[in-house]
C-alpha cells in the first residue's frame, strides 16, 4: 500500500533526518521533493499546496530551531501534517440510535460496494458484537441481490430478500420493519451503483435517504482512482449528507492520492479502508497509523491487533510450552506456523507493518514472497504423518514422492527441509533457558540495523 509515495518520501526525509541544523536552502530542497512526491502520488493540487505551506511554516518556526534534533523534528512535522490531512484520528461509526441503526451505502459501479457491505457486517458482528441484517436495494442488477445473499451466508449475517420488481424505498422500509421485529441491532442497505451526473438515479437515492433516515450514509470509493475518488465523493456529498467514506482496494493503490485528498476536499472522514479481497480485509482507518506506514515507520498497533484477532492462542500456547520443555519442533508445527502467517495476510502484509521494514520489504520482495510459503504448506501436506514427525527419514525415494505429490521439484523439498532445520535449531535454543539469550541477541541485532531498527527515530509526542 502506497509503495510509490512511501519510497519517495522515505528517501527524501532520510537525507534531512540526520541534519543537526536546518537552513532555508535545505528545507527548500526537501519541500520541493515532498511536493513532487505528493503530486506523483496523485494527491489533489490544492491539498499539496496546503500541505507544503503548513510544513514550511512549522519547519522555519521555533519548534524546529530550538529542537535538539532539527532533522528528526522536521520528519515529525511531516508525519503530523500527513495525519492532519487524513483526519487526525479514526472516527468510528455512530450507531447510538434506537435499534435498528440504519447504514446506507452509496457509490459508483465497480467500487466493491456489495462486498464491502458483507465485510462491514462481519466487522460489526465480530468486533462490535452487533446483530446485523443486510438488504439489497439494487433493483437494476439481479446478480447483486444473489451476490449479497451468498456473502451474508458466508459472514453469518441476516439477509432480507428483495426482488427487482420492487421499489428501493419499499425494500428498505420492509427490511427495517423486519429488523425491528427480529431485534437486529443494525441494518445495512446496499444500493445500486450510480454516477453523480445521472439526475434520475441521484434523485432515487435522495428519496431513499429521506425515507429511511439512516444514522450513517457511507460513500464507498475505489482508492485506485486517485484524486478522482475525492472529486466523486465531493459530488455525492453535495447531493447526499454523507457521514463518512470507505476506501476500497487500497492494497492495490501504490500511490495514496485518494487517502490524502478525500478528507481535505470533502471534509468527511475516511472511516474504513479495504485491504484485500478476503471477507475480513476491512480495517478502521487510523490516520496516524497510515502516516507511519507511508513514512516507512511501520504500524505496530495494527499488527498487534491482527495477532490478537487471528492467531489461534491455544495452539500458540501449546507450541510455546512444548518448546520450553525442550520437546522437538516438528514439520507439523512448522506447517501450523505457516497457516497462522497466512491467516494474518502473509509475510509481505506483516513486513509492511513492521518498523524499518517498509523500505526493506521492496528490496527483498523477490526473495521473500507469499507464494513460497504456500508452496511449503503444499509440500508438507504431501508428507506422511511419520515423515512430518521424523523429517530425518526423508531421503531420496521419499523426496521424489513428496515432490511429485506436491507438484514441485526435489530442490524445492530440499530447500524446505533446510529452512525447517534452521527453524528447529532456533527453537531448541529457545528451550532450556535459551529464550533470554535470544532476546539479548535480538536487541543487539536491532542496534546494528540502520536507524537503530527503524526509520528514522521520531521523538514521541
Protein backbone atom coordinates (compact mmCIF):
# COMPACT_ATOMS: atom_id res chain seq x y z
CA UNK A 1 0.00 0.00 0.00
CA UNK A 2 1.25 3.48 -1.00
CA UNK A 3 4.64 1.98 -2.06
CA UNK A 4 5.50 4.76 -4.54
CA UNK A 5 4.74 7.57 -2.11
CA UNK A 6 6.46 5.74 0.74
CA UNK A 7 9.63 5.19 -1.31
CA UNK A 8 9.86 8.83 -2.42
CA UNK A 9 9.14 10.37 0.98
CA UNK A 10 11.37 7.93 2.86
CA UNK A 11 14.37 8.72 0.65
CA UNK A 12 13.72 12.46 0.79
CA UNK A 13 13.30 12.61 4.56
CA UNK A 14 16.21 10.27 5.26
CA UNK A 15 18.51 12.88 3.71
CA UNK A 16 17.36 15.56 6.14
CA UNK A 17 16.65 13.50 9.28
CA UNK A 18 20.31 13.39 10.33
CA UNK A 19 20.99 17.08 9.92
CA UNK A 20 21.87 18.93 13.11
CA UNK A 21 20.97 22.28 11.60
CA UNK A 22 18.27 23.28 9.11
CA UNK A 23 18.69 26.16 6.71
CA UNK A 24 16.26 27.87 4.33
CA UNK A 25 18.12 26.14 1.49
CA UNK A 26 17.92 22.51 2.66
CA UNK A 27 14.30 22.98 3.80
CA UNK A 28 13.50 24.43 0.37
CA UNK A 29 15.08 21.45 -1.44
CA UNK A 30 13.33 18.91 0.80
CA UNK A 31 9.94 20.62 0.45
CA UNK A 32 10.35 20.59 -3.34
CA UNK A 33 10.93 16.82 -3.17
CA UNK A 34 7.95 16.36 -0.82
CA UNK A 35 5.77 18.36 -3.22
CA UNK A 36 6.86 16.21 -6.19
CA UNK A 37 6.29 13.02 -4.22
CA UNK A 38 2.71 14.07 -3.38
CA UNK A 39 1.92 15.15 -6.95
CA UNK A 40 3.26 11.87 -8.32
CA UNK A 41 1.03 10.09 -5.80
CA UNK A 42 -1.95 11.81 -7.50
CA UNK A 43 -2.78 13.93 -4.48
CA UNK A 44 -5.04 16.86 -5.46
CA UNK A 45 -3.07 20.07 -6.16
CA UNK A 46 -4.91 22.26 -3.57
CA UNK A 47 -4.15 19.62 -0.93
CA UNK A 48 -0.46 19.52 -1.92
CA UNK A 49 -0.15 23.32 -1.77
CA UNK A 50 -1.81 23.50 1.64
CA UNK A 51 0.28 20.60 2.98
CA UNK A 52 3.62 22.06 1.85
CA UNK A 53 2.70 25.53 3.15
CA UNK A 54 1.86 24.14 6.62
CA UNK A 55 5.05 22.07 6.80
CA UNK A 56 7.16 25.06 5.72
CA UNK A 57 5.51 27.35 8.28
CA UNK A 58 6.22 24.92 11.11
CA UNK A 59 9.71 23.95 9.83
CA UNK A 60 11.07 27.51 9.95
CA UNK A 61 9.44 28.15 13.29
CA UNK A 62 10.56 27.88 16.90
CA UNK A 63 9.73 24.18 17.37
CA UNK A 64 12.50 23.20 14.90
CA UNK A 65 15.13 25.82 15.72
CA UNK A 66 15.01 25.01 19.44
CA UNK A 67 14.94 21.25 18.90
CA UNK A 68 17.99 19.14 19.78
CA UNK A 69 17.46 17.17 16.54
CA UNK A 70 16.12 19.57 13.90
CA UNK A 71 16.24 16.96 11.13
CA UNK A 72 14.20 14.48 13.11
CA UNK A 73 11.81 17.22 14.20
CA UNK A 74 11.23 18.07 10.53
CA UNK A 75 10.26 14.43 9.88
CA UNK A 76 7.92 14.57 12.87
CA UNK A 77 6.25 17.67 11.39
CA UNK A 78 5.72 15.90 8.05
CA UNK A 79 4.22 12.93 9.87
CA UNK A 80 1.95 15.22 11.91
CA UNK A 81 0.73 17.05 8.79
CA UNK A 82 0.10 13.74 6.97
CA UNK A 83 -2.09 12.70 9.90
CA UNK A 84 -3.88 16.04 9.87
CA UNK A 85 -4.55 15.83 6.12
CA UNK A 86 -6.18 12.42 6.62
CA UNK A 87 -8.18 13.40 9.69
CA UNK A 88 -6.05 13.26 12.89
CA UNK A 89 -7.81 10.20 14.37
CA UNK A 90 -10.19 7.39 13.47
CA UNK A 91 -13.87 8.28 13.55
CA UNK A 92 -15.96 5.25 14.45
CA UNK A 93 -19.46 4.57 13.15
CA UNK A 94 -22.13 6.36 15.13
CA UNK A 95 -24.61 3.58 15.90
CA UNK A 96 -26.09 5.13 19.04
CA UNK A 97 -29.70 5.09 17.86
CA UNK A 98 -32.96 3.31 18.64
CA UNK A 99 -32.35 -0.16 17.11
CA UNK A 100 -32.04 -0.90 14.35
CA UNK A 101 -29.36 1.66 13.40
CA UNK A 102 -29.64 2.06 9.63
CA UNK A 103 -26.49 2.34 7.47
CA UNK A 104 -26.94 3.39 3.82
CA UNK A 105 -24.17 2.51 1.34
CA UNK A 106 -23.68 4.61 -1.80
CA UNK A 107 -21.08 4.68 -4.57
CA UNK A 108 -20.17 4.14 -8.19
CA UNK A 109 -20.44 0.83 -10.01
CA UNK A 110 -17.38 -1.39 -9.58
CA UNK A 111 -16.17 0.22 -6.35
CA UNK A 112 -16.76 -3.03 -4.42
CA UNK A 113 -19.87 -1.82 -2.61
CA UNK A 114 -21.69 -5.15 -2.20
CA UNK A 115 -18.56 -6.93 -0.97
CA UNK A 116 -17.92 -4.03 1.42
CA UNK A 117 -21.45 -4.43 2.85
CA UNK A 118 -20.58 -8.02 3.77
CA UNK A 119 -17.16 -7.00 5.15
CA UNK A 120 -18.79 -4.31 7.29
CA UNK A 121 -21.41 -6.79 8.54
CA UNK A 122 -18.64 -9.20 9.56
CA UNK A 123 -16.71 -6.38 11.27
CA UNK A 124 -19.77 -5.24 13.26
CA UNK A 125 -20.65 -8.81 14.25
CA UNK A 126 -17.20 -9.86 15.38
CA UNK A 127 -15.67 -6.68 16.78
CA UNK A 128 -18.72 -4.65 17.86
CA UNK A 129 -20.85 -7.68 18.84
CA UNK A 130 -23.84 -6.40 16.83
CA UNK A 131 -26.56 -8.48 15.17
CA UNK A 132 -26.66 -7.33 11.54
CA UNK A 133 -29.26 -7.57 8.77
CA UNK A 134 -28.23 -6.79 5.17
CA UNK A 135 -30.55 -5.96 2.28
CA UNK A 136 -30.02 -5.11 -1.39
CA UNK A 137 -31.99 -2.22 -2.88
CA UNK A 138 -30.19 -2.65 -6.22
CA UNK A 139 -33.16 -3.42 -8.49
CA UNK A 140 -31.13 -2.92 -11.67
CA UNK A 141 -28.77 -5.85 -11.22
CA UNK A 142 -30.42 -9.14 -10.17
CA UNK A 143 -26.96 -10.68 -9.68
CA UNK A 144 -26.25 -8.09 -6.95
CA UNK A 145 -29.11 -9.42 -4.81
CA UNK A 146 -27.90 -13.01 -5.21
CA UNK A 147 -24.30 -11.95 -4.54
CA UNK A 148 -25.28 -10.25 -1.28
CA UNK A 149 -27.30 -13.30 -0.20
CA UNK A 150 -24.27 -15.56 -0.71
CA UNK A 151 -21.95 -13.15 1.10
CA UNK A 152 -24.40 -12.79 4.01
CA UNK A 153 -24.38 -16.57 4.41
CA UNK A 154 -20.56 -16.55 4.38
CA UNK A 155 -20.31 -13.94 7.17
CA UNK A 156 -23.29 -15.34 9.09
CA UNK A 157 -25.32 -12.11 8.85
CA UNK A 158 -29.09 -11.84 8.44
CA UNK A 159 -30.29 -11.41 4.84
CA UNK A 160 -33.57 -9.78 3.86
CA UNK A 161 -34.75 -10.97 0.40
CA UNK A 162 -35.68 -8.45 -2.29
CA UNK A 163 -36.79 -8.51 -5.91
CA UNK A 164 -36.16 -6.36 -9.00
CA UNK A 165 -39.92 -5.77 -9.34
CA UNK A 166 -39.92 -3.81 -6.05
CA UNK A 167 -39.08 -0.17 -5.42
CA UNK A 168 -35.87 0.56 -3.44
CA UNK A 169 -37.80 2.57 -0.80
CA UNK A 170 -40.25 -0.29 -0.23
CA UNK A 171 -37.41 -2.83 0.01
CA UNK A 172 -35.51 -0.77 2.59
CA UNK A 173 -38.56 0.03 4.75
CA UNK A 174 -39.67 -3.64 4.73
CA UNK A 175 -36.17 -4.69 5.84
CA UNK A 176 -36.18 -2.13 8.67
CA UNK A 177 -39.63 -3.33 9.85
CA UNK A 178 -38.35 -6.92 9.80
CA UNK A 179 -35.25 -5.88 11.77
CA UNK A 180 -37.42 -4.25 14.45
CA UNK A 181 -39.50 -7.41 14.85
CA UNK A 182 -36.43 -9.67 14.99
CA UNK A 183 -34.41 -7.32 17.24
CA UNK A 184 -31.47 -6.70 14.87
CA UNK A 185 -29.04 -4.00 16.04
CA UNK A 186 -28.00 -2.78 12.58
CA UNK A 187 -29.47 -2.79 9.06
CA UNK A 188 -27.05 -2.20 6.16
CA UNK A 189 -28.78 -1.12 2.94
CA UNK A 190 -26.86 -1.79 -0.27
CA UNK A 191 -27.81 0.42 -3.24
CA UNK A 192 -27.23 0.40 -6.99
CA UNK A 193 -24.03 1.91 -8.35
CA UNK A 194 -24.74 5.31 -9.88
CA UNK A 195 -22.99 8.29 -11.46
CA UNK A 196 -23.37 11.69 -9.79
CA UNK A 197 -24.28 13.16 -13.21
CA UNK A 198 -27.28 10.82 -13.56
CA UNK A 199 -30.06 13.05 -12.20
CA UNK A 200 -32.69 10.28 -12.17
CA UNK A 201 -30.51 7.87 -10.17
CA UNK A 202 -29.33 10.59 -7.78
CA UNK A 203 -32.95 11.61 -7.23
CA UNK A 204 -33.78 8.00 -6.37
CA UNK A 205 -31.11 7.70 -3.67
CA UNK A 206 -32.06 11.13 -2.25
CA UNK A 207 -35.66 9.90 -1.87
CA UNK A 208 -34.43 6.64 -0.32
CA UNK A 209 -32.29 8.57 2.17
CA UNK A 210 -35.19 10.84 3.13
CA UNK A 211 -37.48 7.84 3.65
CA UNK A 212 -35.24 5.69 5.87
CA UNK A 213 -33.24 8.48 7.60
CA UNK A 214 -30.00 6.47 8.15
CA UNK A 215 -27.65 7.21 11.07
CA UNK A 216 -24.70 6.63 8.72
CA UNK A 217 -24.50 7.33 4.97
CA UNK A 218 -21.23 5.88 3.73
CA UNK A 219 -19.67 6.50 0.32
CA UNK A 220 -17.71 3.51 -1.00
CA UNK A 221 -14.92 4.51 -3.39
CA UNK A 222 -12.04 2.76 -5.18
CA UNK A 223 -8.66 4.00 -3.86
CA UNK A 224 -7.00 3.27 -7.21
CA UNK A 225 -8.91 6.14 -8.86
CA UNK A 226 -6.62 8.57 -7.01
CA UNK A 227 -7.77 12.17 -6.59
CA UNK A 228 -10.83 11.38 -8.77
CA UNK A 229 -12.09 9.43 -5.76
CA UNK A 230 -12.10 12.67 -3.75
CA UNK A 231 -13.85 14.63 -6.52
CA UNK A 232 -16.55 11.95 -6.90
CA UNK A 233 -17.08 11.81 -3.14
CA UNK A 234 -17.50 15.61 -3.13
CA UNK A 235 -20.15 15.40 -5.88
CA UNK A 236 -22.08 12.76 -3.92
CA UNK A 237 -21.77 14.78 -0.71
CA UNK A 238 -23.36 17.75 -2.49
CA UNK A 239 -26.41 15.54 -3.17
CA UNK A 240 -26.45 13.38 -0.02
CA UNK A 241 -25.46 14.20 3.58
CA UNK A 242 -22.54 11.73 3.70
CA UNK A 243 -21.20 10.85 7.15
CA UNK A 244 -18.05 9.05 6.03
CA UNK A 245 -16.02 7.28 3.36
CA UNK A 246 -14.94 3.67 2.91
CA UNK A 247 -11.83 3.40 0.76
CA UNK A 248 -11.67 0.05 -1.08
CA UNK A 249 -8.86 -1.74 -2.97
CA UNK A 250 -6.19 0.17 -1.02
CA UNK A 251 -3.91 -2.88 -1.21
CA UNK A 252 -3.64 -2.25 -4.96
CA UNK A 253 -3.06 1.51 -4.57
CA UNK A 254 0.67 2.19 -4.80
CA UNK A 255 0.14 5.96 -4.89
CA UNK A 256 -2.08 7.07 -1.99
CA UNK A 257 -3.68 10.10 -3.67
CA UNK A 258 -7.22 9.18 -2.61
CA UNK A 259 -6.39 8.70 1.08
CA UNK A 260 -4.57 12.05 1.24
CA UNK A 261 -7.12 14.04 -0.79
CA UNK A 262 -10.57 12.89 0.36
CA UNK A 263 -10.71 14.45 3.83
CA UNK A 264 -9.41 17.83 2.62
CA UNK A 265 -11.77 18.02 -0.37
CA UNK A 266 -14.97 16.61 1.16
CA UNK A 267 -14.48 17.39 4.85
CA UNK A 268 -15.75 13.84 5.50
CA UNK A 269 -13.71 11.26 7.45
CA UNK A 270 -12.43 8.02 5.96
CA UNK A 271 -13.92 5.52 8.41
CA UNK A 272 -12.71 2.22 6.92
CA UNK A 273 -10.13 1.02 4.44
CA UNK A 274 -10.40 -2.19 2.39
CA UNK A 275 -7.07 -4.02 2.25
CA UNK A 276 -7.81 -7.03 0.03
CA UNK A 277 -10.40 -9.37 -1.42
CA UNK A 278 -10.77 -11.53 1.70
CA UNK A 279 -14.01 -11.03 3.58
CA UNK A 280 -12.16 -9.91 6.73
CA UNK A 281 -9.93 -7.42 4.86
CA UNK A 282 -11.60 -4.28 6.23
CA UNK A 283 -9.81 -2.14 8.81
CA UNK A 284 -10.81 1.03 10.67
CA UNK A 285 -8.91 3.92 9.07
CA UNK A 286 -6.36 5.31 11.55
CA UNK A 287 -4.63 8.37 10.00
CA UNK A 288 -1.71 8.21 12.45
CA UNK A 289 -1.02 4.57 11.58
CA UNK A 290 -1.31 5.16 7.82
CA UNK A 291 1.04 8.17 8.09
CA UNK A 292 3.52 5.98 9.96
CA UNK A 293 3.33 3.32 7.23
CA UNK A 294 3.77 5.92 4.48
CA UNK A 295 6.98 7.13 6.16
CA UNK A 296 8.30 3.57 6.48
CA UNK A 297 7.92 3.52 10.28
CA UNK A 298 5.57 0.56 10.36
CA UNK A 299 2.24 0.10 12.10
CA UNK A 300 2.86 -1.92 15.24
CA UNK A 301 -0.58 -1.27 16.77
CA UNK A 302 -2.40 -2.75 13.77
CA UNK A 303 -0.01 -5.70 13.76
CA UNK A 304 -0.69 -6.38 17.46
CA UNK A 305 -4.46 -6.11 16.90
CA UNK A 306 -4.19 -8.53 13.97
CA UNK A 307 -2.23 -11.03 16.07
CA UNK A 308 -4.85 -10.75 18.84
CA UNK A 309 -7.68 -11.48 16.39
CA UNK A 310 -6.19 -14.01 14.03
CA UNK A 311 -3.64 -16.11 15.88
CA UNK A 312 -5.01 -19.28 17.48
CA UNK A 313 -3.92 -18.64 21.06
CA UNK A 314 -4.48 -22.21 22.26
CA UNK A 315 -2.24 -23.63 19.53
CA UNK A 316 0.38 -20.92 20.13
CA UNK A 317 0.45 -21.66 23.88
CA UNK A 318 0.64 -25.39 23.24
CA UNK A 319 3.65 -24.92 20.94
CA UNK A 320 5.34 -22.50 23.38
CA UNK A 321 5.01 -24.99 26.26
CA UNK A 322 6.30 -27.78 24.04
CA UNK A 323 9.35 -25.75 23.01
CA UNK A 324 10.12 -24.55 26.54
CA UNK A 325 10.08 -28.17 27.76
CA UNK A 326 12.73 -28.98 25.14
CA UNK A 327 10.45 -31.26 23.09
CA UNK A 328 11.03 -31.48 19.35
CA UNK A 329 9.72 -28.92 16.86
CA UNK A 330 8.19 -30.97 14.02
CA UNK A 331 7.26 -30.27 10.41
CA UNK A 332 3.62 -30.32 11.51
CA UNK A 333 4.41 -27.47 13.94
CA UNK A 334 6.21 -25.67 11.11
CA UNK A 335 3.16 -26.05 8.85
CA UNK A 336 0.93 -24.69 11.60
CA UNK A 337 3.13 -21.57 11.79
CA UNK A 338 2.78 -21.08 8.02
CA UNK A 339 -1.02 -21.34 8.30
CA UNK A 340 -1.06 -18.76 11.11
CA UNK A 341 1.08 -16.42 8.99
CA UNK A 342 -1.29 -16.84 6.02
CA UNK A 343 -4.25 -16.02 8.26
CA UNK A 344 -2.57 -12.72 9.10
CA UNK A 345 -2.35 -11.72 5.44
CA UNK A 346 1.02 -13.25 4.61
CA UNK A 347 4.62 -12.24 5.16
CA UNK A 348 4.53 -9.09 3.00
CA UNK A 349 1.48 -7.77 4.86
CA UNK A 350 3.27 -8.31 8.18
CA UNK A 351 6.53 -6.75 6.96
CA UNK A 352 4.62 -3.68 5.78
CA UNK A 353 3.54 -3.09 9.40
CA UNK A 354 6.96 -3.65 11.00
CA UNK A 355 9.08 -0.57 11.84
CA UNK A 356 12.02 -0.17 9.49
CA UNK A 357 10.73 -2.84 7.12
CA UNK A 358 8.63 -0.67 4.80
CA UNK A 359 11.58 0.11 2.53
CA UNK A 360 13.37 -3.19 3.07
CA UNK A 361 10.30 -5.14 2.02
CA UNK A 362 10.63 -3.77 -1.52
CA UNK A 363 14.25 -4.92 -1.76
CA UNK A 364 13.56 -8.44 -0.55
CA UNK A 365 10.24 -8.92 -2.33
CA UNK A 366 11.90 -11.21 -4.85
CA UNK A 367 13.39 -13.34 -2.08
CA UNK A 368 10.51 -13.34 0.43
CA UNK A 369 7.13 -13.80 -1.18
CA UNK A 370 3.96 -15.46 -0.02
CA UNK A 371 3.94 -17.97 -2.90
CA UNK A 372 6.97 -19.66 -1.36
CA UNK A 373 5.14 -20.10 1.94
CA UNK A 374 2.10 -21.53 0.15
CA UNK A 375 4.42 -23.95 -1.66
CA UNK A 376 5.93 -25.01 1.67
CA UNK A 377 2.46 -25.78 3.02
CA UNK A 378 1.68 -27.93 -0.04
CA UNK A 379 4.99 -29.82 0.27
CA UNK A 380 4.41 -30.61 3.97
CA UNK A 381 0.83 -31.62 3.10
CA UNK A 382 2.25 -34.27 0.73
CA UNK A 383 4.19 -35.94 3.56
CA UNK A 384 3.01 -38.80 5.74
CA UNK A 385 2.38 -38.25 9.46
CA UNK A 386 5.57 -40.22 10.22
CA UNK A 387 7.64 -38.02 7.89
CA UNK A 388 6.32 -34.84 9.49
CA UNK A 389 7.22 -36.21 12.93
CA UNK A 390 10.66 -37.51 11.89
CA UNK A 391 11.97 -35.45 8.94
CA UNK A 392 15.38 -37.16 9.15
CA UNK A 393 13.88 -40.23 7.38
CA UNK A 394 13.08 -38.18 4.27
CA UNK A 395 15.70 -39.45 1.80
CA UNK A 396 15.90 -39.94 -1.98
CA UNK A 397 12.77 -42.00 -2.84
CA UNK A 398 10.62 -40.20 -0.26
CA UNK A 399 11.76 -36.81 -1.61
CA UNK A 400 10.79 -37.87 -5.15
CA UNK A 401 7.35 -39.00 -3.96
CA UNK A 402 6.77 -35.77 -1.97
CA UNK A 403 7.87 -33.58 -4.91
CA UNK A 404 5.57 -35.45 -7.32
CA UNK A 405 2.66 -35.29 -4.87
CA UNK A 406 3.04 -31.53 -4.33
CA UNK A 407 3.77 -30.65 -7.96
CA UNK A 408 7.24 -29.32 -7.07
CA UNK A 409 10.88 -30.20 -7.71
CA UNK A 410 13.23 -32.17 -5.44
CA UNK A 411 15.28 -28.99 -4.88
CA UNK A 412 12.12 -27.31 -3.50
CA UNK A 413 11.76 -30.16 -0.99
CA UNK A 414 15.46 -29.83 -0.09
CA UNK A 415 15.07 -26.07 0.41
CA UNK A 416 12.09 -26.60 2.72
CA UNK A 417 13.98 -29.18 4.80
CA UNK A 418 16.97 -26.84 5.11
CA UNK A 419 14.77 -23.94 6.27
CA UNK A 420 12.96 -26.25 8.68
CA UNK A 421 16.29 -27.44 10.15
CA UNK A 422 17.32 -23.81 10.77
CA UNK A 423 13.96 -23.13 12.44
CA UNK A 424 14.32 -26.30 14.52
CA UNK A 425 17.77 -25.19 15.78
CA UNK A 426 16.37 -21.82 16.75
CA UNK A 427 13.51 -23.49 18.64
CA UNK A 428 15.98 -25.70 20.53
CA UNK A 429 17.81 -22.58 21.70
CA UNK A 430 14.51 -21.18 22.96
CA UNK A 431 14.03 -24.22 25.18
CA UNK A 432 16.07 -24.75 28.33
CA UNK A 433 16.73 -21.10 29.19
CA UNK A 434 17.84 -20.07 25.72
CA UNK A 435 14.95 -17.59 25.38
CA UNK A 436 16.75 -14.85 27.35
CA UNK A 437 19.91 -15.28 25.27
CA UNK A 438 17.89 -14.96 22.07
CA UNK A 439 16.17 -11.82 23.33
CA UNK A 440 19.56 -10.28 24.13
CA UNK A 441 20.84 -11.27 20.69
CA UNK A 442 17.76 -9.73 19.06
CA UNK A 443 18.35 -6.48 20.94
CA UNK A 444 21.94 -6.46 19.67
CA UNK A 445 20.78 -7.04 16.09
CA UNK A 446 18.28 -4.23 16.42
CA UNK A 447 21.08 -1.85 17.37
CA UNK A 448 23.02 -2.90 14.26
CA UNK A 449 20.12 -2.09 11.92
CA UNK A 450 20.10 1.29 10.10
CA UNK A 451 18.50 3.91 12.33
CA UNK A 452 18.60 1.57 15.32
CA UNK A 453 15.92 -0.72 13.90
CA UNK A 454 13.55 1.83 12.43
CA UNK A 455 13.47 4.75 10.06
CA UNK A 456 14.04 7.37 11.33
CA UNK A 457 13.82 7.65 15.13
CA UNK A 458 10.97 10.10 15.62
CA UNK A 459 10.61 11.59 19.10
CA UNK A 460 7.48 10.63 20.99
CA UNK A 461 4.83 13.28 21.17
